[in-house]
Amino acid sequence: MTDVPKARPASTVVLLRDTDNGMETLMLKRNKALMFAGGLWVFPGGALEASDIESAEGDIALAARIAAAREAEEECGLRPDTENMVHLSHWTTPVVEPKRFETWIYAAPLAEDADVAIDGSEIHDFAWILVKDAVAQHEAGDFGMLPPTYITLLSLLRYATTAEMTSGENEIPPPYVFPVFTKAEGKMAVLFQGDAGYEAGDGGMAGPQHRAIMQEKGWEYVYQDVGEHYPPFVRS
């Protein structure tokens, strides 16, 4: 374990806006040539910089909020409403990955309407898309993303408006997630606390299941027979 790369602090923000058909989110498509999440759809975000930590006077959690807003402006030219930005979750990259991050995930309405501006280098494309459509397209195999992105979108499906989202998420303690990569019935799987195989890293162990499984077209989130000590990431 001494060779495990240290996880670098990072943050991301799910930018949301209200429409007559429900909430839309801004998704960014990363350059295929990038080592981390190349070619996948992501939320605006990136690693914390020294200036973020300095502005927060060393408070890493506050620095993560500052970084999320800064990265959104830098990557797509949009500003989140920081007064209504809520902390959804905190994910740490599994130890098997060569490039690791501990990432604060936020969600926020837009501070103001503005045109999206991407650099065409790190980010190759963007889409304003209904949250429900982003989920559906991923499950249909047309919108590739990592488990934290997919599960975050699933967790937002229950909200019809950004105001509902802000109010609802402020009532929920953000989960701190440390996934474990393994296989389950020959498929790639990511186990979470509460899964019977989490400690052993064994996706084949009988018992409660709290995991994401890579199916033929996309990820599937599974929460079955898990004790109340580990609440689901996706609530109804």
Protein backbone atom coordinates (compact mmCIF):
# COMPACT_ATOMS: atom_id res chain seq x y z
CA MET A 1 0.00 0.00 0.00
CA THR A 2 3.00 2.34 0.27
CA ASP A 3 2.95 2.71 -3.54
CA VAL A 4 -0.66 3.96 -3.64
CA PRO A 5 -0.73 7.44 -5.25
CA LYS A 6 -1.95 10.14 -2.91
CA ALA A 7 -5.42 11.45 -3.70
CA ARG A 8 -5.32 15.09 -4.79
CA PRO A 9 -8.09 17.40 -3.50
CA ALA A 10 -10.54 18.37 -6.25
CA SER A 11 -14.08 19.62 -6.64
CA THR A 12 -16.85 19.72 -9.21
CA VAL A 13 -20.25 21.38 -9.49
CA VAL A 14 -23.44 20.18 -11.15
CA LEU A 15 -24.79 23.30 -12.85
CA LEU A 16 -28.59 23.27 -13.04
CA ARG A 17 -31.31 25.40 -14.58
CA ASP A 18 -35.11 25.16 -14.55
CA THR A 19 -37.15 24.51 -17.68
CA ASP A 20 -40.82 23.76 -18.34
CA ASN A 21 -39.89 20.08 -18.66
CA GLY A 22 -37.76 19.82 -15.52
CA MET A 23 -34.19 20.52 -14.45
CA GLU A 24 -31.44 20.62 -17.03
CA THR A 25 -27.78 20.11 -16.24
CA LEU A 26 -24.69 21.14 -18.16
CA MET A 27 -22.53 18.21 -19.20
CA LEU A 28 -19.03 18.59 -20.63
CA LYS A 29 -17.31 16.01 -22.85
CA ARG A 30 -13.61 15.55 -22.14
CA ASN A 31 -10.96 15.18 -24.80
CA LYS A 32 -10.47 11.50 -25.68
CA ALA A 33 -6.70 11.93 -25.38
CA LEU A 34 -6.83 12.80 -21.68
CA MET A 35 -5.61 10.11 -19.28
CA PHE A 36 -8.35 10.74 -16.71
CA ALA A 37 -11.94 10.26 -17.96
CA GLY A 38 -10.94 10.79 -21.58
CA GLY A 39 -13.95 10.93 -23.90
CA LEU A 40 -16.46 10.80 -21.03
CA TRP A 41 -19.17 13.26 -20.01
CA VAL A 42 -18.47 15.11 -16.76
CA PHE A 43 -19.49 18.11 -14.68
CA PRO A 44 -17.26 21.20 -14.61
CA GLY A 45 -14.45 20.75 -12.09
CA GLY A 46 -10.81 20.14 -11.38
CA ALA A 47 -8.07 20.05 -8.77
CA LEU A 48 -7.78 22.63 -6.01
CA GLU A 49 -5.12 25.25 -6.60
CA ALA A 50 -2.91 27.03 -4.10
CA SER A 51 -4.92 30.21 -4.64
CA ASP A 52 -8.14 28.42 -3.60
CA ILE A 53 -6.56 27.25 -0.35
CA GLU A 54 -5.07 30.68 0.30
CA SER A 55 -8.46 32.36 -0.27
CA ALA A 56 -10.01 29.90 2.19
CA GLU A 57 -7.24 30.54 4.75
CA GLY A 58 -6.34 26.85 4.75
CA ASP A 59 -9.90 25.51 5.16
CA ILE A 60 -9.92 22.69 2.58
CA ALA A 61 -13.70 22.29 2.54
CA LEU A 62 -14.16 26.00 1.88
CA ALA A 63 -11.37 25.90 -0.69
CA ALA A 64 -13.27 23.11 -2.49
CA ARG A 65 -16.33 25.38 -2.79
CA ILE A 66 -14.18 28.20 -4.13
CA ALA A 67 -12.49 25.84 -6.60
CA ALA A 68 -15.81 24.46 -7.86
CA ALA A 69 -17.02 27.96 -8.76
CA ARG A 70 -13.67 28.92 -10.29
CA GLU A 71 -13.46 25.76 -12.40
CA ALA A 72 -17.00 26.28 -13.72
CA GLU A 73 -16.10 29.75 -14.96
CA GLU A 74 -12.81 28.56 -16.44
CA GLU A 75 -14.17 25.43 -18.16
CA CYS A 76 -17.50 26.67 -19.48
CA GLY A 77 -17.84 30.39 -18.73
CA LEU A 78 -20.75 29.95 -16.31
CA ARG A 79 -21.07 30.99 -12.67
CA PRO A 80 -22.90 28.89 -10.07
CA ASP A 81 -25.15 30.57 -7.54
CA THR A 82 -22.79 30.09 -4.60
CA GLU A 83 -25.44 31.17 -2.09
CA ASN A 84 -27.49 28.13 -3.10
CA MET A 85 -24.64 25.72 -3.84
CA VAL A 86 -25.05 22.52 -1.83
CA HIS A 87 -22.59 19.76 -1.01
CA LEU A 88 -23.92 16.50 -2.48
CA SER A 89 -21.12 14.02 -1.75
CA HIS A 90 -17.39 13.40 -1.47
CA TRP A 91 -15.74 10.66 -3.54
CA THR A 92 -12.19 9.32 -3.27
CA THR A 93 -10.74 7.48 -6.27
CA PRO A 94 -10.08 3.74 -5.64
CA VAL A 95 -6.50 2.83 -4.75
CA VAL A 96 -6.02 0.83 -7.97
CA GLU A 97 -6.14 3.98 -10.11
CA PRO A 98 -2.82 5.63 -11.08
CA LYS A 99 -4.34 9.13 -10.88
CA ARG A 100 -6.39 9.70 -7.75
CA PHE A 101 -8.58 12.51 -6.43
CA GLU A 102 -10.68 13.18 -3.37
CA THR A 103 -13.51 15.15 -4.89
CA TRP A 104 -16.17 17.34 -3.33
CA ILE A 105 -19.29 17.23 -5.52
CA TYR A 106 -21.62 20.23 -5.35
CA ALA A 107 -24.81 21.24 -7.14
CA ALA A 108 -26.00 24.77 -7.82
CA PRO A 109 -28.41 26.76 -9.94
CA LEU A 110 -26.86 29.15 -12.42
CA ALA A 111 -26.11 32.59 -11.01
CA GLU A 112 -27.18 34.13 -14.33
CA ASP A 113 -27.92 33.14 -17.91
CA ALA A 114 -24.84 33.18 -20.10
CA ASP A 115 -23.46 31.44 -23.16
CA VAL A 116 -21.36 28.33 -22.62
CA ALA A 117 -17.72 28.84 -23.60
CA ILE A 118 -15.43 25.81 -23.79
CA ASP A 119 -11.73 25.76 -24.71
CA GLY A 120 -11.88 23.00 -27.34
CA SER A 121 -8.76 21.47 -25.79
CA GLU A 122 -9.52 19.71 -22.49
CA ILE A 123 -13.26 19.99 -23.18
CA HIS A 124 -14.41 19.06 -26.68
CA ASP A 125 -18.19 19.42 -26.44
CA PHE A 126 -21.03 20.40 -24.13
CA ALA A 127 -24.76 19.73 -23.75
CA TRP A 128 -27.57 21.25 -21.75
CA ILE A 129 -29.70 18.18 -21.09
CA LEU A 130 -32.57 17.23 -18.80
CA VAL A 131 -31.26 15.26 -15.84
CA LYS A 132 -33.65 12.41 -16.66
CA ASP A 133 -32.49 12.37 -20.29
CA ALA A 134 -28.81 12.24 -19.30
CA VAL A 135 -29.58 9.19 -17.16
CA ALA A 136 -31.62 7.55 -19.90
CA GLN A 137 -29.01 8.18 -22.58
CA HIS A 138 -26.25 6.74 -20.38
CA GLU A 139 -28.32 3.62 -19.71
CA ALA A 140 -28.89 3.32 -23.48
CA GLY A 141 -25.14 3.35 -24.06
CA ASP A 142 -24.96 6.81 -25.66
CA PHE A 143 -23.58 8.99 -22.85
CA GLY A 144 -20.45 7.54 -21.26
CA MET A 145 -19.64 8.60 -17.71
CA LEU A 146 -17.95 7.44 -14.52
CA PRO A 147 -19.97 5.98 -11.58
CA PRO A 148 -19.86 9.18 -9.45
CA THR A 149 -21.34 11.19 -12.33
CA TYR A 150 -24.08 8.66 -13.05
CA ILE A 151 -25.02 8.17 -9.40
CA THR A 152 -25.06 11.92 -8.81
CA LEU A 153 -27.52 12.34 -11.68
CA LEU A 154 -29.66 9.50 -10.30
CA SER A 155 -29.74 11.24 -6.93
CA LEU A 156 -31.13 14.40 -8.56
CA LEU A 157 -33.97 12.70 -10.44
CA ARG A 158 -36.41 13.22 -7.58
CA TYR A 159 -36.29 17.00 -7.87
CA ALA A 160 -38.47 18.97 -10.29
CA THR A 161 -36.83 22.35 -9.69
CA THR A 162 -33.53 23.82 -8.54
CA ALA A 163 -35.28 25.25 -5.46
CA GLU A 164 -36.46 21.75 -4.50
CA MET A 165 -32.95 20.45 -5.01
CA THR A 166 -31.36 23.09 -2.79
CA SER A 167 -33.92 22.60 -0.03
CA GLY A 168 -33.84 18.80 -0.19
CA GLU A 169 -30.08 18.35 -0.33
CA ASN A 170 -29.50 20.75 2.56
CA GLU A 171 -31.39 18.23 4.73
CA ILE A 172 -29.17 15.26 3.78
CA PRO A 173 -25.66 14.70 5.19
CA PRO A 174 -23.32 14.26 2.19
CA PRO A 175 -21.93 10.71 1.96
CA TYR A 176 -18.16 10.20 1.95
CA VAL A 177 -17.56 7.47 -0.61
CA PHE A 178 -14.45 5.31 -0.97
CA PRO A 179 -15.27 2.80 -3.74
CA VAL A 180 -13.58 -0.56 -4.22
CA PHE A 181 -13.09 -1.86 -7.78
CA THR A 182 -13.70 -5.57 -8.35
CA LYS A 183 -15.75 -7.93 -10.53
CA ALA A 184 -19.20 -9.42 -10.00
CA GLU A 185 -20.32 -12.31 -12.19
CA GLY A 186 -17.65 -11.41 -14.70
CA LYS A 187 -18.66 -7.75 -14.91
CA MET A 188 -16.77 -4.71 -13.69
CA ALA A 189 -18.18 -3.57 -10.36
CA VAL A 190 -17.61 -0.82 -7.83
CA LEU A 191 -18.49 -1.70 -4.24
CA PHE A 192 -19.58 0.77 -1.58
CA GLN A 193 -19.80 0.54 2.21
CA GLY A 194 -22.67 -1.71 3.23
CA ASP A 195 -21.97 -4.25 0.49
CA ALA A 196 -21.17 -7.74 1.78
CA GLY A 197 -17.99 -7.86 -0.29
CA TYR A 198 -16.75 -4.33 0.41
CA GLU A 199 -14.05 -5.12 2.99
CA ALA A 200 -12.72 -8.13 1.09
CA GLY A 201 -13.09 -6.50 -2.33
CA ASP A 202 -15.08 -9.54 -3.44
CA GLY A 203 -18.07 -8.89 -5.68
CA GLY A 204 -19.15 -12.52 -5.45
CA MET A 205 -19.88 -12.65 -1.72
CA ALA A 206 -23.46 -13.42 -0.73
CA GLY A 207 -25.36 -10.82 1.27
CA PRO A 208 -26.30 -7.16 1.02
CA GLN A 209 -25.43 -5.40 -2.20
CA HIS A 210 -24.43 -1.75 -2.44
CA ARG A 211 -22.61 -1.34 -5.71
CA ALA A 212 -22.49 -0.07 -9.27
CA ILE A 213 -22.20 -2.71 -11.98
CA MET A 214 -21.07 -2.06 -15.55
CA GLN A 215 -23.77 -3.60 -17.70
CA GLU A 216 -23.61 -3.97 -21.48
CA LYS A 217 -24.48 -0.31 -22.14
CA GLY A 218 -23.76 1.56 -18.92
CA TRP A 219 -23.62 1.56 -15.14
CA GLU A 220 -26.39 0.19 -12.93
CA TYR A 221 -26.71 1.26 -9.28
CA VAL A 222 -27.76 -1.55 -6.91
CA TYR A 223 -28.90 -1.11 -3.30
CA GLN A 224 -30.37 -4.29 -1.83
CA ASP A 225 -30.81 -5.53 1.76
CA VAL A 226 -28.37 -2.92 3.12
CA GLY A 227 -28.71 -1.87 6.76
CA GLU A 228 -29.90 1.63 7.67
CA HIS A 229 -26.37 2.52 8.81
CA TYR A 230 -25.49 2.88 5.12
CA PRO A 231 -28.32 4.82 3.46
CA PRO A 232 -28.64 4.74 -0.33
CA PHE A 233 -26.98 7.37 -2.47
CA VAL A 234 -30.19 7.51 -4.52
CA ARG A 235 -33.37 8.36 -2.63
CA SER A 236 -36.94 8.11 -3.88
